[in-house]
């Protein structure tokens, strides 16, 4: 059997963790999928999958081979696009990820424009408040907020955001305005983070930070829920500036302790490094970077 076909079938099984689901995805019979995986394992001389009556799991060798297979097949697709000409119209699926509120407010307008401009492209947008592994999850483009670790990904800086404290005018009128981060220990705190009995907030410059460890009265896992609680007057919340521009502009929220803010956080557009430049990725990044660099909320 053709090696590329075998790799495509194996990738479908590995990602779906099911022969039946892979068969539906590849529009093949379950028997054909089973034969393809068996042929690949025989060719390689290694077990890639562990099969039981209920599920399919990757072996350690299978996990490594799945990562390599994704990269190889992506390189083949990009090489085909390059051979067809850099001026060819983008086509195929583009996968994008960003934090939830950032994706809704900043990325979705670009996705809509991109789809309207290029009718042969489909976009899968994953807006999640967690760090997505681009290589493992097959993501083409990601927006990351904050300092980046060293990696093989290419990063394009497109702006900055501030990390700020905010509360409603009503709450501050009733409970007073904190003058120092330590004063927060006497206030009601709303935490937008993973569930934890305590949170630790850092203030000031990176080389001389002030740390305050608190027990929030309300902890939520979504930023929009924290914003609702703060606007309702429950307490003080810590958010990123792009998440509350309207609430700050119309006075529903106001900034607290601005003189103790951390240094601004960078915003980057990331994509996987490749020998060939995919036209759909290049065109989308150009559109997204232009939009984000011009946006006043990211200055």
C-alpha atoms as a PDB file:
ATOM      1  CA  UNK A   1       0.000   0.000   0.000  1.00  0.00           C
ATOM      2  CA  UNK A   2       1.045   3.605  -0.553  1.00  0.00           C
ATOM      3  CA  UNK A   3       3.016   4.946   2.437  1.00  0.00           C
ATOM      4  CA  UNK A   4       1.236   8.303   2.439  1.00  0.00           C
ATOM      5  CA  UNK A   5      -2.152   6.573   2.473  1.00  0.00           C
ATOM      6  CA  UNK A   6      -1.083   4.388   5.383  1.00  0.00           C
ATOM      7  CA  UNK A   7       0.111   7.407   7.336  1.00  0.00           C
ATOM      8  CA  UNK A   8      -3.136   9.273   6.705  1.00  0.00           C
ATOM      9  CA  UNK A   9      -5.168   6.305   7.942  1.00  0.00           C
ATOM     10  CA  UNK A  10      -2.964   5.868  11.013  1.00  0.00           C
ATOM     11  CA  UNK A  11      -3.232   9.579  11.847  1.00  0.00           C
ATOM     12  CA  UNK A  12      -7.033   9.336  11.668  1.00  0.00           C
ATOM     13  CA  UNK A  13      -7.083   6.328  13.993  1.00  0.00           C
ATOM     14  CA  UNK A  14      -4.607   7.902  16.409  1.00  0.00           C
ATOM     15  CA  UNK A  15      -6.508  11.179  16.606  1.00  0.00           C
ATOM     16  CA  UNK A  16      -9.953   9.593  16.814  1.00  0.00           C
ATOM     17  CA  UNK A  17      -8.799   6.728  19.066  1.00  0.00           C
ATOM     18  CA  UNK A  18     -11.256   4.552  17.190  1.00  0.00           C
ATOM     19  CA  UNK A  19     -11.138   2.440  14.046  1.00  0.00           C
ATOM     20  CA  UNK A  20     -14.822   3.047  13.352  1.00  0.00           C
ATOM     21  CA  UNK A  21     -14.519   6.828  13.727  1.00  0.00           C
ATOM     22  CA  UNK A  22     -11.400   6.836  11.547  1.00  0.00           C
ATOM     23  CA  UNK A  23     -13.256   4.841   8.890  1.00  0.00           C
ATOM     24  CA  UNK A  24     -16.045   7.429   8.824  1.00  0.00           C
ATOM     25  CA  UNK A  25     -13.527  10.277   8.665  1.00  0.00           C
ATOM     26  CA  UNK A  26     -11.587   8.663   5.809  1.00  0.00           C
ATOM     27  CA  UNK A  27     -14.722   7.358   4.030  1.00  0.00           C
ATOM     28  CA  UNK A  28     -13.316   3.819   4.163  1.00  0.00           C
ATOM     29  CA  UNK A  29     -14.648   0.540   5.479  1.00  0.00           C
ATOM     30  CA  UNK A  30     -13.528  -0.482   9.005  1.00  0.00           C
ATOM     31  CA  UNK A  31     -11.828  -3.500   7.468  1.00  0.00           C
ATOM     32  CA  UNK A  32      -9.796  -1.288   5.119  1.00  0.00           C
ATOM     33  CA  UNK A  33      -8.677   0.864   8.063  1.00  0.00           C
ATOM     34  CA  UNK A  34      -7.638  -2.214  10.031  1.00  0.00           C
ATOM     35  CA  UNK A  35      -5.675  -3.574   7.061  1.00  0.00           C
ATOM     36  CA  UNK A  36      -3.921  -0.237   6.537  1.00  0.00           C
ATOM     37  CA  UNK A  37      -2.793   0.051  10.159  1.00  0.00           C
ATOM     38  CA  UNK A  38      -1.648  -3.578  10.225  1.00  0.00           C
ATOM     39  CA  UNK A  39       0.303  -3.053   6.990  1.00  0.00           C
ATOM     40  CA  UNK A  40       1.991   0.038   8.443  1.00  0.00           C
ATOM     41  CA  UNK A  41       2.947  -1.761  11.664  1.00  0.00           C
ATOM     42  CA  UNK A  42       4.327  -4.662   9.648  1.00  0.00           C
ATOM     43  CA  UNK A  43       6.313  -2.298   7.432  1.00  0.00           C
ATOM     44  CA  UNK A  44       7.773  -0.485  10.444  1.00  0.00           C
ATOM     45  CA  UNK A  45       8.240  -3.593  12.570  1.00  0.00           C
ATOM     46  CA  UNK A  46       6.739  -1.904  15.619  1.00  0.00           C
ATOM     47  CA  UNK A  47       3.408  -1.874  17.438  1.00  0.00           C
ATOM     48  CA  UNK A  48       1.736   1.546  17.064  1.00  0.00           C
ATOM     49  CA  UNK A  49      -1.649   0.862  18.646  1.00  0.00           C
ATOM     50  CA  UNK A  50      -3.004  -1.188  21.532  1.00  0.00           C
ATOM     51  CA  UNK A  51      -6.430  -2.574  20.676  1.00  0.00           C
ATOM     52  CA  UNK A  52      -9.044  -3.732  23.170  1.00  0.00           C
ATOM     53  CA  UNK A  53     -12.711  -4.546  22.725  1.00  0.00           C
ATOM     54  CA  UNK A  54     -13.616  -1.063  23.973  1.00  0.00           C
ATOM     55  CA  UNK A  55     -10.948   1.366  22.807  1.00  0.00           C
ATOM     56  CA  UNK A  56      -7.727   2.009  20.939  1.00  0.00           C
ATOM     57  CA  UNK A  57      -4.651   3.508  22.577  1.00  0.00           C
ATOM     58  CA  UNK A  58      -1.343   4.640  21.151  1.00  0.00           C
ATOM     59  CA  UNK A  59       1.842   2.942  22.274  1.00  0.00           C
ATOM     60  CA  UNK A  60       4.818   5.119  23.163  1.00  0.00           C
ATOM     61  CA  UNK A  61       6.226   4.465  19.685  1.00  0.00           C
ATOM     62  CA  UNK A  62       2.778   5.238  18.267  1.00  0.00           C
ATOM     63  CA  UNK A  63       2.641   8.645  19.987  1.00  0.00           C
ATOM     64  CA  UNK A  64       6.039   9.603  18.600  1.00  0.00           C
ATOM     65  CA  UNK A  65       5.120   8.344  15.145  1.00  0.00           C
ATOM     66  CA  UNK A  66       1.818  10.253  15.217  1.00  0.00           C
ATOM     67  CA  UNK A  67       3.674  13.516  15.910  1.00  0.00           C
ATOM     68  CA  UNK A  68       6.105  12.800  13.089  1.00  0.00           C
ATOM     69  CA  UNK A  69       3.255  11.805  10.769  1.00  0.00           C
ATOM     70  CA  UNK A  70       1.416  15.097  11.369  1.00  0.00           C
ATOM     71  CA  UNK A  71       4.553  17.075  10.540  1.00  0.00           C
ATOM     72  CA  UNK A  72       5.359  15.022   7.445  1.00  0.00           C
ATOM     73  CA  UNK A  73       1.839  15.218   6.024  1.00  0.00           C
ATOM     74  CA  UNK A  74       1.668  18.950   6.753  1.00  0.00           C
ATOM     75  CA  UNK A  75       4.999  19.436   4.949  1.00  0.00           C
ATOM     76  CA  UNK A  76       3.716  17.470   1.950  1.00  0.00           C
ATOM     77  CA  UNK A  77       0.584  19.631   1.783  1.00  0.00           C
ATOM     78  CA  UNK A  78       2.646  22.804   2.020  1.00  0.00           C
ATOM     79  CA  UNK A  79       5.110  21.551  -0.611  1.00  0.00           C
ATOM     80  CA  UNK A  80       2.191  20.850  -2.937  1.00  0.00           C
ATOM     81  CA  UNK A  81       0.886  24.366  -2.387  1.00  0.00           C
ATOM     82  CA  UNK A  82       4.329  25.818  -3.061  1.00  0.00           C
ATOM     83  CA  UNK A  83       4.656  23.793  -6.269  1.00  0.00           C
ATOM     84  CA  UNK A  84       1.237  24.984  -7.394  1.00  0.00           C
ATOM     85  CA  UNK A  85       2.483  28.544  -7.058  1.00  0.00           C
ATOM     86  CA  UNK A  86       2.692  31.056  -4.227  1.00  0.00           C
ATOM     87  CA  UNK A  87       0.001  33.129  -5.894  1.00  0.00           C
ATOM     88  CA  UNK A  88      -2.546  30.321  -5.898  1.00  0.00           C
ATOM     89  CA  UNK A  89      -5.705  30.971  -3.909  1.00  0.00           C
ATOM     90  CA  UNK A  90      -5.649  29.641  -0.330  1.00  0.00           C
ATOM     91  CA  UNK A  91      -7.628  26.452   0.137  1.00  0.00           C
ATOM     92  CA  UNK A  92      -8.163  23.724   2.713  1.00  0.00           C
ATOM     93  CA  UNK A  93      -8.671  23.822   6.476  1.00  0.00           C
ATOM     94  CA  UNK A  94      -7.047  26.447   8.693  1.00  0.00           C
ATOM     95  CA  UNK A  95      -7.023  25.878  12.459  1.00  0.00           C
ATOM     96  CA  UNK A  96      -6.756  28.881  14.780  1.00  0.00           C
ATOM     97  CA  UNK A  97      -6.709  29.253  18.565  1.00  0.00           C
ATOM     98  CA  UNK A  98      -6.892  32.201  20.973  1.00  0.00           C
ATOM     99  CA  UNK A  99      -8.177  32.988  24.487  1.00  0.00           C
ATOM    100  CA  UNK A 100     -11.981  33.068  24.648  1.00  0.00           C
ATOM    101  CA  UNK A 101     -12.686  36.799  24.908  1.00  0.00           C
ATOM    102  CA  UNK A 102      -9.733  37.761  22.715  1.00  0.00           C
ATOM    103  CA  UNK A 103     -10.894  35.330  20.058  1.00  0.00           C
ATOM    104  CA  UNK A 104     -14.433  36.667  20.128  1.00  0.00           C
ATOM    105  CA  UNK A 105     -13.460  40.338  20.013  1.00  0.00           C
ATOM    106  CA  UNK A 106     -10.312  40.386  17.872  1.00  0.00           C
ATOM    107  CA  UNK A 107      -9.868  37.143  15.936  1.00  0.00           C
ATOM    108  CA  UNK A 108     -13.429  36.409  14.778  1.00  0.00           C
ATOM    109  CA  UNK A 109     -13.701  39.599  12.653  1.00  0.00           C
ATOM    110  CA  UNK A 110     -10.569  38.464  10.785  1.00  0.00           C
ATOM    111  CA  UNK A 111     -11.875  34.911  10.421  1.00  0.00           C
ATOM    112  CA  UNK A 112     -15.100  36.209   8.873  1.00  0.00           C
ATOM    113  CA  UNK A 113     -13.227  38.505   6.464  1.00  0.00           C
ATOM    114  CA  UNK A 114     -10.847  35.694   5.531  1.00  0.00           C
ATOM    115  CA  UNK A 115     -13.663  33.270   4.766  1.00  0.00           C
ATOM    116  CA  UNK A 116     -15.471  35.881   2.713  1.00  0.00           C
ATOM    117  CA  UNK A 117     -12.295  36.621   0.755  1.00  0.00           C
ATOM    118  CA  UNK A 118     -11.245  32.980   0.172  1.00  0.00           C
ATOM    119  CA  UNK A 119     -14.263  30.723  -0.543  1.00  0.00           C
ATOM    120  CA  UNK A 120     -12.165  27.529  -0.737  1.00  0.00           C
ATOM    121  CA  UNK A 121     -10.940  27.765   2.864  1.00  0.00           C
ATOM    122  CA  UNK A 122     -12.592  26.295   5.938  1.00  0.00           C
ATOM    123  CA  UNK A 123     -11.599  27.543   9.406  1.00  0.00           C
ATOM    124  CA  UNK A 124     -11.669  25.648  12.697  1.00  0.00           C
ATOM    125  CA  UNK A 125     -11.461  28.219  15.520  1.00  0.00           C
ATOM    126  CA  UNK A 126     -10.699  27.035  19.053  1.00  0.00           C
ATOM    127  CA  UNK A 127     -11.242  29.812  21.593  1.00  0.00           C
ATOM    128  CA  UNK A 128     -10.041  28.400  24.913  1.00  0.00           C
ATOM    129  CA  UNK A 129      -8.663  29.861  28.128  1.00  0.00           C
ATOM    130  CA  UNK A 130      -5.916  27.255  28.275  1.00  0.00           C
ATOM    131  CA  UNK A 131      -2.578  26.804  26.593  1.00  0.00           C
ATOM    132  CA  UNK A 132      -3.049  24.755  23.428  1.00  0.00           C
ATOM    133  CA  UNK A 133      -0.124  22.647  22.237  1.00  0.00           C
ATOM    134  CA  UNK A 134       0.039  23.601  18.571  1.00  0.00           C
ATOM    135  CA  UNK A 135       2.080  20.592  17.500  1.00  0.00           C
ATOM    136  CA  UNK A 136       0.058  17.969  19.383  1.00  0.00           C
ATOM    137  CA  UNK A 137      -3.329  19.431  18.423  1.00  0.00           C
ATOM    138  CA  UNK A 138      -2.470  20.340  14.823  1.00  0.00           C
ATOM    139  CA  UNK A 139      -3.052  24.095  15.170  1.00  0.00           C
ATOM    140  CA  UNK A 140      -1.821  26.362  12.369  1.00  0.00           C
ATOM    141  CA  UNK A 141      -2.054  29.802  14.029  1.00  0.00           C
ATOM    142  CA  UNK A 142      -2.304  30.835  17.684  1.00  0.00           C
ATOM    143  CA  UNK A 143      -2.573  34.099  19.580  1.00  0.00           C
ATOM    144  CA  UNK A 144      -0.616  34.103  22.849  1.00  0.00           C
ATOM    145  CA  UNK A 145      -0.692  36.779  25.553  1.00  0.00           C
ATOM    146  CA  UNK A 146       2.335  37.068  27.831  1.00  0.00           C
ATOM    147  CA  UNK A 147       6.027  36.293  27.561  1.00  0.00           C
ATOM    148  CA  UNK A 148       6.843  33.296  25.377  1.00  0.00           C
ATOM    149  CA  UNK A 149       9.019  30.327  26.287  1.00  0.00           C
ATOM    150  CA  UNK A 150      11.708  29.290  23.843  1.00  0.00           C
ATOM    151  CA  UNK A 151      10.271  27.062  21.133  1.00  0.00           C
ATOM    152  CA  UNK A 152      10.515  26.156  17.462  1.00  0.00           C
ATOM    153  CA  UNK A 153       7.416  28.240  16.708  1.00  0.00           C
ATOM    154  CA  UNK A 154       7.664  31.484  14.803  1.00  0.00           C
ATOM    155  CA  UNK A 155       6.309  34.489  16.712  1.00  0.00           C
ATOM    156  CA  UNK A 156       5.133  37.849  15.407  1.00  0.00           C
ATOM    157  CA  UNK A 157       4.609  40.579  18.012  1.00  0.00           C
ATOM    158  CA  UNK A 158       1.413  42.527  17.319  1.00  0.00           C
ATOM    159  CA  UNK A 159       0.729  44.598  20.448  1.00  0.00           C
ATOM    160  CA  UNK A 160       0.539  44.741  24.229  1.00  0.00           C
ATOM    161  CA  UNK A 161      -2.135  44.585  26.917  1.00  0.00           C
ATOM    162  CA  UNK A 162      -2.220  45.673  30.552  1.00  0.00           C
ATOM    163  CA  UNK A 163      -3.070  43.500  33.512  1.00  0.00           C
ATOM    164  CA  UNK A 164      -5.249  45.609  35.784  1.00  0.00           C
ATOM    165  CA  UNK A 165      -7.487  45.579  38.842  1.00  0.00           C
ATOM    166  CA  UNK A 166     -10.998  46.917  38.493  1.00  0.00           C
ATOM    167  CA  UNK A 167     -14.175  47.295  40.502  1.00  0.00           C
ATOM    168  CA  UNK A 168     -17.520  49.037  40.156  1.00  0.00           C
ATOM    169  CA  UNK A 169     -17.874  52.638  41.415  1.00  0.00           C
ATOM    170  CA  UNK A 170     -20.626  51.421  43.758  1.00  0.00           C
ATOM    171  CA  UNK A 171     -18.356  48.840  45.403  1.00  0.00           C
ATOM    172  CA  UNK A 172     -15.545  51.364  45.857  1.00  0.00           C
ATOM    173  CA  UNK A 173     -17.915  53.980  47.298  1.00  0.00           C
ATOM    174  CA  UNK A 174     -19.149  51.464  49.870  1.00  0.00           C
ATOM    175  CA  UNK A 175     -15.860  49.747  50.780  1.00  0.00           C
ATOM    176  CA  UNK A 176     -13.211  52.370  49.984  1.00  0.00           C
ATOM    177  CA  UNK A 177     -10.455  52.544  47.377  1.00  0.00           C
ATOM    178  CA  UNK A 178      -7.336  50.470  48.159  1.00  0.00           C
ATOM    179  CA  UNK A 179      -4.132  52.521  48.195  1.00  0.00           C
ATOM    180  CA  UNK A 180      -1.623  49.643  48.351  1.00  0.00           C
ATOM    181  CA  UNK A 181      -1.761  45.991  47.192  1.00  0.00           C
ATOM    182  CA  UNK A 182      -1.775  44.873  50.845  1.00  0.00           C
ATOM    183  CA  UNK A 183      -5.128  46.660  51.284  1.00  0.00           C
ATOM    184  CA  UNK A 184      -6.694  43.983  49.074  1.00  0.00           C
ATOM    185  CA  UNK A 185      -6.636  41.625  52.051  1.00  0.00           C
ATOM    186  CA  UNK A 186      -9.504  43.685  53.492  1.00  0.00           C
ATOM    187  CA  UNK A 187     -11.557  43.617  50.274  1.00  0.00           C
ATOM    188  CA  UNK A 188     -13.772  41.115  48.501  1.00  0.00           C
ATOM    189  CA  UNK A 189     -11.724  39.514  45.730  1.00  0.00           C
ATOM    190  CA  UNK A 190     -13.052  37.897  42.536  1.00  0.00           C
ATOM    191  CA  UNK A 191     -10.594  35.478  40.923  1.00  0.00           C
ATOM    192  CA  UNK A 192     -10.835  34.453  37.289  1.00  0.00           C
ATOM    193  CA  UNK A 193      -8.609  31.391  37.333  1.00  0.00           C
ATOM    194  CA  UNK A 194      -8.549  27.669  37.884  1.00  0.00           C
ATOM    195  CA  UNK A 195     -10.356  26.528  41.015  1.00  0.00           C
ATOM    196  CA  UNK A 196      -8.022  27.080  43.979  1.00  0.00           C
ATOM    197  CA  UNK A 197      -8.604  28.101  47.606  1.00  0.00           C
ATOM    198  CA  UNK A 198      -6.080  30.927  47.299  1.00  0.00           C
ATOM    199  CA  UNK A 199      -4.591  33.164  44.601  1.00  0.00           C
ATOM    200  CA  UNK A 200      -1.329  35.086  44.526  1.00  0.00           C
ATOM    201  CA  UNK A 201      -1.227  38.354  42.599  1.00  0.00           C
ATOM    202  CA  UNK A 202       2.003  40.066  41.589  1.00  0.00           C
ATOM    203  CA  UNK A 203       2.315  43.843  41.321  1.00  0.00           C
ATOM    204  CA  UNK A 204       4.987  46.244  40.113  1.00  0.00           C
ATOM    205  CA  UNK A 205       8.038  45.863  37.932  1.00  0.00           C
ATOM    206  CA  UNK A 206       9.506  42.446  37.151  1.00  0.00           C
ATOM    207  CA  UNK A 207      12.739  43.269  39.011  1.00  0.00           C
ATOM    208  CA  UNK A 208      10.956  44.516  42.161  1.00  0.00           C
ATOM    209  CA  UNK A 209       7.577  42.798  42.497  1.00  0.00           C
ATOM    210  CA  UNK A 210       5.104  42.940  45.374  1.00  0.00           C
ATOM    211  CA  UNK A 211       3.270  39.663  46.018  1.00  0.00           C
ATOM    212  CA  UNK A 212      -0.110  39.430  47.738  1.00  0.00           C
ATOM    213  CA  UNK A 213      -1.666  36.064  48.559  1.00  0.00           C
ATOM    214  CA  UNK A 214      -5.435  36.142  49.094  1.00  0.00           C
ATOM    215  CA  UNK A 215      -8.452  33.910  49.519  1.00  0.00           C
ATOM    216  CA  UNK A 216     -11.065  34.974  46.932  1.00  0.00           C
ATOM    217  CA  UNK A 217     -14.694  35.095  47.910  1.00  0.00           C
ATOM    218  CA  UNK A 218     -15.640  34.108  44.351  1.00  0.00           C
ATOM    219  CA  UNK A 219     -13.531  32.006  41.994  1.00  0.00           C
ATOM    220  CA  UNK A 220     -14.739  31.408  38.447  1.00  0.00           C
ATOM    221  CA  UNK A 221     -13.165  29.723  35.429  1.00  0.00           C
ATOM    222  CA  UNK A 222     -14.367  32.231  32.831  1.00  0.00           C
ATOM    223  CA  UNK A 223     -13.370  35.868  32.561  1.00  0.00           C
ATOM    224  CA  UNK A 224     -16.793  37.004  31.385  1.00  0.00           C
ATOM    225  CA  UNK A 225     -18.348  35.619  34.585  1.00  0.00           C
ATOM    226  CA  UNK A 226     -15.790  37.546  36.662  1.00  0.00           C
ATOM    227  CA  UNK A 227     -16.613  40.717  34.726  1.00  0.00           C
ATOM    228  CA  UNK A 228     -20.332  40.249  35.415  1.00  0.00           C
ATOM    229  CA  UNK A 229     -19.659  39.855  39.141  1.00  0.00           C
ATOM    230  CA  UNK A 230     -17.427  42.929  39.264  1.00  0.00           C
ATOM    231  CA  UNK A 231     -19.936  45.087  37.355  1.00  0.00           C
ATOM    232  CA  UNK A 232     -22.632  43.902  39.760  1.00  0.00           C
ATOM    233  CA  UNK A 233     -20.598  45.340  42.636  1.00  0.00           C
ATOM    234  CA  UNK A 234     -19.394  42.154  44.328  1.00  0.00           C
ATOM    235  CA  UNK A 235     -15.725  43.066  44.602  1.00  0.00           C
ATOM    236  CA  UNK A 236     -12.362  43.658  42.946  1.00  0.00           C
ATOM    237  CA  UNK A 237     -11.277  41.566  39.975  1.00  0.00           C
ATOM    238  CA  UNK A 238      -8.029  41.234  38.031  1.00  0.00           C
ATOM    239  CA  UNK A 239      -8.372  41.186  34.242  1.00  0.00           C
ATOM    240  CA  UNK A 240      -6.557  42.102  31.058  1.00  0.00           C
ATOM    241  CA  UNK A 241      -7.298  45.507  29.574  1.00  0.00           C
ATOM    242  CA  UNK A 242      -8.706  44.156  26.299  1.00  0.00           C
ATOM    243  CA  UNK A 243     -11.368  42.216  28.226  1.00  0.00           C
ATOM    244  CA  UNK A 244     -13.144  45.270  29.690  1.00  0.00           C
ATOM    245  CA  UNK A 245     -12.780  48.251  27.294  1.00  0.00           C
ATOM    246  CA  UNK A 246     -16.522  48.969  27.158  1.00  0.00           C
ATOM    247  CA  UNK A 247     -17.025  48.610  30.909  1.00  0.00           C
ATOM    248  CA  UNK A 248     -14.165  51.041  31.584  1.00  0.00           C
ATOM    249  CA  UNK A 249     -15.280  53.483  28.890  1.00  0.00           C
ATOM    250  CA  UNK A 250     -18.869  53.760  30.145  1.00  0.00           C
ATOM    251  CA  UNK A 251     -17.919  53.860  33.831  1.00  0.00           C
ATOM    252  CA  UNK A 252     -19.363  50.520  34.938  1.00  0.00           C
ATOM    253  CA  UNK A 253     -15.858  49.600  36.099  1.00  0.00           C
ATOM    254  CA  UNK A 254     -12.883  51.702  37.114  1.00  0.00           C
ATOM    255  CA  UNK A 255      -9.207  50.856  37.467  1.00  0.00           C
ATOM    256  CA  UNK A 256      -7.772  50.316  40.957  1.00  0.00           C
ATOM    257  CA  UNK A 257      -4.098  50.681  41.939  1.00  0.00           C
ATOM    258  CA  UNK A 258      -2.868  51.657  38.445  1.00  0.00           C
ATOM    259  CA  UNK A 259       0.493  52.784  39.856  1.00  0.00           C
ATOM    260  CA  UNK A 260       1.204  49.174  40.926  1.00  0.00           C
ATOM    261  CA  UNK A 261       0.492  47.512  37.571  1.00  0.00           C
ATOM    262  CA  UNK A 262       2.940  45.020  36.124  1.00  0.00           C
ATOM    263  CA  UNK A 263       4.798  45.804  32.927  1.00  0.00           C
ATOM    264  CA  UNK A 264       2.531  45.437  29.857  1.00  0.00           C
ATOM    265  CA  UNK A 265       2.145  41.920  28.476  1.00  0.00           C
ATOM    266  CA  UNK A 266       3.117  41.276  24.840  1.00  0.00           C
ATOM    267  CA  UNK A 267       0.649  39.809  22.340  1.00  0.00           C
ATOM    268  CA  UNK A 268       2.076  37.465  19.690  1.00  0.00           C
ATOM    269  CA  UNK A 269       0.741  35.593  16.698  1.00  0.00           C
ATOM    270  CA  UNK A 270       2.410  32.177  16.516  1.00  0.00           C
ATOM    271  CA  UNK A 271       2.639  29.644  13.728  1.00  0.00           C
ATOM    272  CA  UNK A 272       4.537  26.446  13.167  1.00  0.00           C
ATOM    273  CA  UNK A 273       7.886  26.833  11.477  1.00  0.00           C
ATOM    274  CA  UNK A 274       8.031  25.180   8.079  1.00  0.00           C
ATOM    275  CA  UNK A 275      10.329  25.022   5.090  1.00  0.00           C
ATOM    276  CA  UNK A 276       7.368  25.929   2.907  1.00  0.00           C
ATOM    277  CA  UNK A 277       4.956  28.738   3.569  1.00  0.00           C
ATOM    278  CA  UNK A 278       1.340  27.662   3.331  1.00  0.00           C
ATOM    279  CA  UNK A 279      -0.590  30.299   1.407  1.00  0.00           C
ATOM    280  CA  UNK A 280      -3.626  30.049   3.688  1.00  0.00           C
ATOM    281  CA  UNK A 281      -1.455  30.502   6.784  1.00  0.00           C
ATOM    282  CA  UNK A 282       0.547  33.363   5.278  1.00  0.00           C
ATOM    283  CA  UNK A 283      -2.533  35.229   4.128  1.00  0.00           C
ATOM    284  CA  UNK A 284      -4.381  34.784   7.403  1.00  0.00           C
ATOM    285  CA  UNK A 285      -1.400  35.899   9.486  1.00  0.00           C
ATOM    286  CA  UNK A 286      -0.978  39.003   7.312  1.00  0.00           C
ATOM    287  CA  UNK A 287      -4.647  39.880   7.769  1.00  0.00           C
ATOM    288  CA  UNK A 288      -4.644  39.186  11.526  1.00  0.00           C
ATOM    289  CA  UNK A 289      -1.387  41.042  12.225  1.00  0.00           C
ATOM    290  CA  UNK A 290      -2.537  44.125  10.327  1.00  0.00           C
ATOM    291  CA  UNK A 291      -5.845  44.143  12.226  1.00  0.00           C
ATOM    292  CA  UNK A 292      -4.265  43.662  15.670  1.00  0.00           C
ATOM    293  CA  UNK A 293      -1.463  46.200  15.189  1.00  0.00           C
ATOM    294  CA  UNK A 294      -3.981  48.857  14.211  1.00  0.00           C
ATOM    295  CA  UNK A 295      -6.332  48.173  17.134  1.00  0.00           C
ATOM    296  CA  UNK A 296      -6.247  50.900  19.829  1.00  0.00           C
ATOM    297  CA  UNK A 297      -6.929  48.380  22.614  1.00  0.00           C
ATOM    298  CA  UNK A 298      -3.559  46.696  21.956  1.00  0.00           C
ATOM    299  CA  UNK A 299      -1.340  49.783  21.975  1.00  0.00           C
END
